[in-house]
């Protein structure tokens, strides 16, 4: 197998991908996700400096400090992480973007920005650490809290929840997955696949809040997740290689989906018939999961051939933030030509 294309002559240790010590509650699912980001980036051998991190406001957005300390990071306003990430990634298309958000940051105040980022297919790994509450402000319901949920200080939630995966697919996302912080192996493989994807990769990860929303009956708790998790497939990510993919996908067999950079996602079929490249089937499955109270996990939908926003605008290889002014600014002759075209 050829060396990963991001590898340099030096060897990185796992410590090179770590961040600062966490200040989140002991047992918080967000910490498990941070650890899997560290492991995924280390196993892909991508230099830490090739990543840039983005976050908004909330417990989830704090967690961006707990991984990739050697990478640049930006902490933005509540719900405004997508536009900040889009601007920064346009300035330097050579970087790999990781956005960390929460259910309040994404599905409440940030829903509009989330939808527009997705439809533009900006190359960004967008992780939603979903616990159904505003943990940082003492446990108010978020938009993903299930109807009928009763919290000690908030009473009963009367509203139907927003399903982040459904919202992403409705916005024509090219990569949508759902996982559970209590399944670190699956989380890590999905993060590795998302990093390789040429576009916006949405990972809705149920991440229990051990302080405000971890009752046995809550759909965002550890006990409920462990008892109701229904994986679609066994998932493995393989770095870039030359390989022949197989077409048939019978039960007990495997299916390979080749990503834009030559890397491969390998699916092993479990008990259900499911094709992750079928958008209609993904929507049907999510709606069925809502009706039956299933926690469906795995890669729900992927379109490895969809153009990213970089390709739509013919972005060059030279990062905009390193171009000299003379190259960025049109000369007088070019400006005159442009102005004359409007007359």
Protein backbone atom coordinates (compact mmCIF):
# COMPACT_ATOMS: atom_id res chain seq x y z
CA UNK A 1 0.00 0.00 0.00
CA UNK A 2 1.48 3.42 -0.92
CA UNK A 3 2.36 5.95 1.74
CA UNK A 4 -0.41 8.38 2.68
CA UNK A 5 -0.12 11.49 0.51
CA UNK A 6 -0.06 13.78 3.56
CA UNK A 7 2.88 12.04 5.18
CA UNK A 8 6.17 13.85 5.58
CA UNK A 9 9.60 12.41 6.19
CA UNK A 10 9.15 12.84 9.95
CA UNK A 11 7.04 10.51 12.07
CA UNK A 12 4.35 11.99 14.27
CA UNK A 13 3.40 10.53 17.63
CA UNK A 14 -0.11 10.59 19.05
CA UNK A 15 1.02 13.33 21.44
CA UNK A 16 1.52 15.65 18.45
CA UNK A 17 -2.26 15.63 17.93
CA UNK A 18 -3.34 16.20 21.52
CA UNK A 19 -4.71 19.43 22.97
CA UNK A 20 -5.04 20.94 26.40
CA UNK A 21 -6.49 19.02 29.39
CA UNK A 22 -10.27 18.98 29.29
CA UNK A 23 -12.36 21.11 31.66
CA UNK A 24 -15.62 19.36 30.75
CA UNK A 25 -17.51 17.14 33.21
CA UNK A 26 -16.01 13.73 33.95
CA UNK A 27 -17.67 11.19 31.68
CA UNK A 28 -18.81 13.74 29.09
CA UNK A 29 -19.22 12.17 25.64
CA UNK A 30 -17.47 15.18 24.09
CA UNK A 31 -14.17 14.01 25.61
CA UNK A 32 -14.49 10.62 23.92
CA UNK A 33 -15.08 12.36 20.56
CA UNK A 34 -11.99 14.55 21.07
CA UNK A 35 -9.92 11.43 21.74
CA UNK A 36 -11.18 9.83 18.53
CA UNK A 37 -10.31 12.97 16.52
CA UNK A 38 -6.79 12.70 17.93
CA UNK A 39 -6.55 9.01 17.01
CA UNK A 40 -8.04 9.48 13.53
CA UNK A 41 -5.69 12.32 12.59
CA UNK A 42 -2.70 10.44 13.96
CA UNK A 43 -3.54 7.26 12.03
CA UNK A 44 -3.96 9.24 8.80
CA UNK A 45 -0.48 10.74 9.38
CA UNK A 46 -1.60 14.20 8.30
CA UNK A 47 0.68 16.85 9.83
CA UNK A 48 -1.16 18.71 12.64
CA UNK A 49 -0.33 22.03 10.97
CA UNK A 50 -2.43 21.00 7.94
CA UNK A 51 -5.60 21.22 10.03
CA UNK A 52 -7.56 24.30 11.07
CA UNK A 53 -10.28 24.14 13.75
CA UNK A 54 -13.50 26.11 14.10
CA UNK A 55 -16.15 26.27 16.80
CA UNK A 56 -19.03 28.40 18.03
CA UNK A 57 -20.33 28.63 21.60
CA UNK A 58 -21.22 25.88 24.09
CA UNK A 59 -19.67 22.87 25.81
CA UNK A 60 -19.05 21.31 22.40
CA UNK A 61 -17.25 24.39 21.14
CA UNK A 62 -14.95 24.35 24.17
CA UNK A 63 -13.78 20.89 23.16
CA UNK A 64 -11.90 22.27 20.14
CA UNK A 65 -9.16 23.18 22.62
CA UNK A 66 -8.75 19.53 23.62
CA UNK A 67 -7.27 18.24 20.36
CA UNK A 68 -4.77 19.41 17.70
CA UNK A 69 -3.09 22.07 19.84
CA UNK A 70 -0.51 22.64 17.07
CA UNK A 71 -3.26 23.60 14.61
CA UNK A 72 -4.75 27.05 14.11
CA UNK A 73 -8.16 27.45 15.74
CA UNK A 74 -10.98 30.00 15.67
CA UNK A 75 -13.76 30.26 18.25
CA UNK A 76 -16.63 32.29 16.80
CA UNK A 77 -20.02 33.60 17.84
CA UNK A 78 -22.95 31.35 18.74
CA UNK A 79 -24.25 29.71 15.55
CA UNK A 80 -21.81 31.55 13.28
CA UNK A 81 -19.12 28.89 12.96
CA UNK A 82 -20.08 27.88 9.35
CA UNK A 83 -19.53 31.32 7.78
CA UNK A 84 -16.27 31.79 9.67
CA UNK A 85 -15.06 28.38 8.47
CA UNK A 86 -16.10 29.05 4.88
CA UNK A 87 -14.14 32.30 4.78
CA UNK A 88 -11.02 30.84 6.32
CA UNK A 89 -11.01 27.75 4.09
CA UNK A 90 -11.44 29.89 0.99
CA UNK A 91 -8.36 31.84 2.06
CA UNK A 92 -6.28 28.67 2.22
CA UNK A 93 -7.70 25.69 0.36
CA UNK A 94 -4.70 23.54 1.28
CA UNK A 95 -5.90 23.16 4.87
CA UNK A 96 -8.20 20.48 6.27
CA UNK A 97 -11.04 22.04 8.24
CA UNK A 98 -12.67 20.54 11.33
CA UNK A 99 -15.71 22.31 12.76
CA UNK A 100 -16.97 21.39 16.23
CA UNK A 101 -20.50 22.40 17.09
CA UNK A 102 -23.35 21.39 19.37
CA UNK A 103 -27.05 20.79 18.94
CA UNK A 104 -27.88 24.26 20.25
CA UNK A 105 -25.12 25.92 18.22
CA UNK A 106 -26.24 24.12 15.03
CA UNK A 107 -29.96 23.30 15.31
CA UNK A 108 -31.13 26.42 17.16
CA UNK A 109 -29.42 29.74 16.44
CA UNK A 110 -27.11 28.34 13.75
CA UNK A 111 -29.56 26.31 11.64
CA UNK A 112 -29.62 28.75 8.71
CA UNK A 113 -25.82 28.95 8.50
CA UNK A 114 -25.63 25.17 8.80
CA UNK A 115 -27.99 24.66 5.85
CA UNK A 116 -26.18 27.13 3.58
CA UNK A 117 -22.76 25.62 4.34
CA UNK A 118 -24.11 22.17 3.48
CA UNK A 119 -25.72 23.17 0.19
CA UNK A 120 -22.49 24.86 -0.93
CA UNK A 121 -20.50 21.70 -0.10
CA UNK A 122 -17.64 23.52 1.60
CA UNK A 123 -14.83 21.01 2.37
CA UNK A 124 -15.25 20.80 6.14
CA UNK A 125 -15.60 17.99 8.67
CA UNK A 126 -18.63 19.27 10.61
CA UNK A 127 -19.07 17.39 13.91
CA UNK A 128 -22.22 18.02 15.96
CA UNK A 129 -21.78 16.86 19.55
CA UNK A 130 -25.48 16.28 20.18
CA UNK A 131 -26.77 15.96 23.77
CA UNK A 132 -30.22 17.57 23.54
CA UNK A 133 -29.52 20.34 26.07
CA UNK A 134 -27.69 23.61 26.55
CA UNK A 135 -25.15 22.17 28.98
CA UNK A 136 -23.03 25.30 29.35
CA UNK A 137 -26.02 27.39 30.48
CA UNK A 138 -27.38 24.78 32.91
CA UNK A 139 -29.52 22.40 30.91
CA UNK A 140 -32.23 24.13 28.90
CA UNK A 141 -33.84 22.10 26.08
CA UNK A 142 -32.18 22.37 22.69
CA UNK A 143 -33.92 21.89 19.35
CA UNK A 144 -32.89 18.21 19.25
CA UNK A 145 -34.49 17.31 22.61
CA UNK A 146 -37.26 14.76 22.15
CA UNK A 147 -40.87 15.76 22.76
CA UNK A 148 -42.03 14.76 26.22
CA UNK A 149 -38.55 14.87 27.78
CA UNK A 150 -38.80 16.01 31.40
CA UNK A 151 -35.85 17.79 32.97
CA UNK A 152 -35.68 18.78 36.61
CA UNK A 153 -35.44 22.53 36.11
CA UNK A 154 -37.11 22.87 32.70
CA UNK A 155 -40.33 20.89 32.97
CA UNK A 156 -41.62 18.99 29.93
CA UNK A 157 -40.54 19.69 26.34
CA UNK A 158 -43.67 20.16 24.14
CA UNK A 159 -41.92 20.34 20.76
CA UNK A 160 -40.89 17.78 18.17
CA UNK A 161 -37.10 17.60 17.71
CA UNK A 162 -35.00 18.74 14.77
CA UNK A 163 -33.22 15.78 13.18
CA UNK A 164 -29.78 17.06 12.14
CA UNK A 165 -29.10 14.20 9.72
CA UNK A 166 -32.44 14.72 7.96
CA UNK A 167 -31.82 18.47 7.73
CA UNK A 168 -28.42 17.81 6.17
CA UNK A 169 -29.78 15.40 3.55
CA UNK A 170 -32.65 17.79 2.75
CA UNK A 171 -30.01 20.46 2.07
CA UNK A 172 -28.34 18.10 -0.44
CA UNK A 173 -25.39 17.15 1.74
CA UNK A 174 -22.78 14.89 0.15
CA UNK A 175 -21.77 13.04 3.36
CA UNK A 176 -24.04 12.39 6.35
CA UNK A 177 -23.34 10.05 9.25
CA UNK A 178 -24.69 9.44 12.73
CA UNK A 179 -22.83 7.81 15.57
CA UNK A 180 -22.79 7.44 19.35
CA UNK A 181 -19.98 8.62 21.63
CA UNK A 182 -20.23 5.27 23.40
CA UNK A 183 -19.01 3.54 20.21
CA UNK A 184 -15.51 5.04 19.79
CA UNK A 185 -14.42 2.55 17.11
CA UNK A 186 -17.22 3.60 14.77
CA UNK A 187 -16.71 7.29 15.59
CA UNK A 188 -13.03 7.07 14.66
CA UNK A 189 -13.66 5.34 11.32
CA UNK A 190 -16.33 7.88 10.38
CA UNK A 191 -14.01 10.79 11.23
CA UNK A 192 -11.27 9.29 9.04
CA UNK A 193 -13.71 8.91 6.15
CA UNK A 194 -15.02 12.44 6.67
CA UNK A 195 -11.52 13.92 6.54
CA UNK A 196 -11.01 12.28 3.14
CA UNK A 197 -14.33 13.51 1.73
CA UNK A 198 -14.29 16.28 -0.90
CA UNK A 199 -17.03 18.46 0.58
CA UNK A 200 -19.03 19.03 3.75
CA UNK A 201 -19.07 15.89 5.92
CA UNK A 202 -21.78 16.02 8.60
CA UNK A 203 -21.29 13.81 11.66
CA UNK A 204 -24.20 13.92 14.10
CA UNK A 205 -22.77 12.22 17.19
CA UNK A 206 -25.07 11.53 20.16
CA UNK A 207 -22.93 12.65 23.08
CA UNK A 208 -24.66 12.27 26.47
CA UNK A 209 -24.58 15.14 28.96
CA UNK A 210 -23.83 13.37 32.24
CA UNK A 211 -24.92 16.38 34.30
CA UNK A 212 -28.23 17.51 32.78
CA UNK A 213 -29.53 14.85 30.39
CA UNK A 214 -28.49 11.31 31.24
CA UNK A 215 -31.67 9.76 32.63
CA UNK A 216 -32.28 6.19 31.51
CA UNK A 217 -35.33 7.19 29.44
CA UNK A 218 -33.64 10.07 27.61
CA UNK A 219 -32.85 9.49 23.93
CA UNK A 220 -29.48 11.22 24.46
CA UNK A 221 -28.33 9.10 27.42
CA UNK A 222 -25.66 6.40 27.58
CA UNK A 223 -28.07 3.72 28.75
CA UNK A 224 -30.67 4.46 26.04
CA UNK A 225 -27.99 4.66 23.35
CA UNK A 226 -26.43 1.35 24.34
CA UNK A 227 -29.82 -0.33 24.40
CA UNK A 228 -31.16 1.08 21.12
CA UNK A 229 -28.10 1.49 18.88
CA UNK A 230 -28.66 -0.20 15.53
CA UNK A 231 -25.55 -0.04 13.29
CA UNK A 232 -26.13 -0.19 9.55
CA UNK A 233 -22.80 -1.83 8.77
CA UNK A 234 -19.30 -2.47 9.97
CA UNK A 235 -17.18 0.37 8.69
CA UNK A 236 -13.49 0.58 7.89
CA UNK A 237 -11.53 3.41 6.29
CA UNK A 238 -8.52 2.61 4.09
CA UNK A 239 -6.02 5.33 2.99
CA UNK A 240 -5.41 6.00 -0.73
CA UNK A 241 -4.64 2.89 -2.74
CA UNK A 242 -5.20 1.23 -6.12
CA UNK A 243 -8.03 -1.25 -5.79
CA UNK A 244 -10.89 -2.70 -7.80
CA UNK A 245 -14.24 -2.00 -6.17
CA UNK A 246 -17.00 -4.60 -6.06
CA UNK A 247 -20.52 -3.91 -7.25
CA UNK A 248 -22.65 -6.52 -5.47
CA UNK A 249 -23.60 -5.92 -1.86
CA UNK A 250 -25.32 -9.04 -0.54
CA UNK A 251 -25.77 -9.77 3.14
CA UNK A 252 -22.49 -10.83 4.69
CA UNK A 253 -20.50 -9.35 1.78
CA UNK A 254 -18.58 -6.08 1.56
CA UNK A 255 -18.91 -2.95 -0.54
CA UNK A 256 -16.20 -0.40 -1.26
CA UNK A 257 -16.84 3.27 -2.02
CA UNK A 258 -13.85 5.10 -3.48
CA UNK A 259 -13.40 8.69 -2.33
CA UNK A 260 -12.06 11.57 -4.44
CA UNK A 261 -8.46 11.11 -3.27
CA UNK A 262 -8.34 7.37 -3.91
CA UNK A 263 -9.06 6.35 -0.32
CA UNK A 264 -11.72 3.71 0.26
CA UNK A 265 -14.58 3.21 2.71
CA UNK A 266 -15.31 -0.48 3.18
CA UNK A 267 -18.78 -1.51 4.38
CA UNK A 268 -19.57 -4.97 5.69
CA UNK A 269 -23.26 -5.78 5.47
CA UNK A 270 -25.03 -6.66 8.70
CA UNK A 271 -28.66 -7.76 8.92
CA UNK A 272 -30.36 -5.05 6.86
CA UNK A 273 -30.22 -4.23 3.16
CA UNK A 274 -28.84 -0.72 2.80
CA UNK A 275 -26.99 1.27 0.14
CA UNK A 276 -25.29 4.43 1.55
CA UNK A 277 -25.18 6.03 -1.91
CA UNK A 278 -29.01 6.01 -2.19
CA UNK A 279 -30.30 9.40 -0.98
CA UNK A 280 -33.99 8.39 -1.05
CA UNK A 281 -33.30 5.29 1.03
CA UNK A 282 -31.38 7.39 3.57
CA UNK A 283 -34.39 9.68 4.09
CA UNK A 284 -36.76 6.70 4.35
CA UNK A 285 -34.52 4.99 6.91
CA UNK A 286 -34.23 8.11 9.08
CA UNK A 287 -37.99 8.61 9.07
CA UNK A 288 -38.47 4.97 10.05
CA UNK A 289 -35.91 5.37 12.84
CA UNK A 290 -37.88 8.33 14.22
CA UNK A 291 -41.12 6.33 14.24
CA UNK A 292 -39.56 3.30 15.91
CA UNK A 293 -37.22 5.09 18.32
CA UNK A 294 -34.10 3.57 16.77
CA UNK A 295 -30.63 5.04 17.09
CA UNK A 296 -29.44 4.26 13.56
CA UNK A 297 -25.67 4.71 13.34
CA UNK A 298 -23.15 4.55 10.53
CA UNK A 299 -22.64 6.32 7.22
CA UNK A 300 -26.19 7.23 6.18
CA UNK A 301 -25.40 8.86 2.84
CA UNK A 302 -22.37 9.67 0.70
CA UNK A 303 -21.91 11.12 -2.78
CA UNK A 304 -18.14 10.95 -3.44
CA UNK A 305 -18.48 12.58 -6.87
CA UNK A 306 -20.29 15.81 -5.96
CA UNK A 307 -18.34 18.98 -6.72
CA UNK A 308 -17.09 21.01 -3.79
CA UNK A 309 -17.42 24.78 -3.73
CA UNK A 310 -13.72 25.06 -4.61
CA UNK A 311 -14.35 23.37 -7.95
CA UNK A 312 -17.35 25.54 -8.72
CA UNK A 313 -15.18 28.66 -8.43
CA UNK A 314 -12.06 27.14 -10.04
CA UNK A 315 -9.90 27.85 -7.01
CA UNK A 316 -6.20 27.62 -7.80
CA UNK A 317 -3.58 25.77 -5.83
CA UNK A 318 -2.02 28.94 -4.41
CA UNK A 319 -3.73 29.97 -1.14
CA UNK A 320 -5.35 33.41 -1.36
CA UNK A 321 -3.85 34.43 1.97
CA UNK A 322 -0.32 34.06 0.56
CA UNK A 323 -0.77 35.81 -2.76
CA UNK A 324 0.87 39.22 -3.22
CA UNK A 325 -1.39 42.25 -3.60
CA UNK A 326 -0.38 42.64 -7.24
CA UNK A 327 -1.77 39.20 -8.04
CA UNK A 328 -5.00 39.65 -6.09
CA UNK A 329 -5.83 43.13 -7.36
CA UNK A 330 -6.83 43.56 -11.04
CA UNK A 331 -4.66 45.97 -13.05
CA UNK A 332 -6.15 49.10 -14.67
CA UNK A 333 -6.58 47.43 -18.04
CA UNK A 334 -8.55 44.53 -16.52
CA UNK A 335 -10.74 46.87 -14.47
CA UNK A 336 -11.48 48.98 -17.55
CA UNK A 337 -12.47 45.84 -19.47
CA UNK A 338 -14.78 44.72 -16.65
CA UNK A 339 -16.39 48.14 -16.32
CA UNK A 340 -16.88 48.46 -20.06
CA UNK A 341 -18.67 45.12 -20.12
CA UNK A 342 -21.45 46.59 -17.96
CA UNK A 343 -22.03 49.62 -20.17
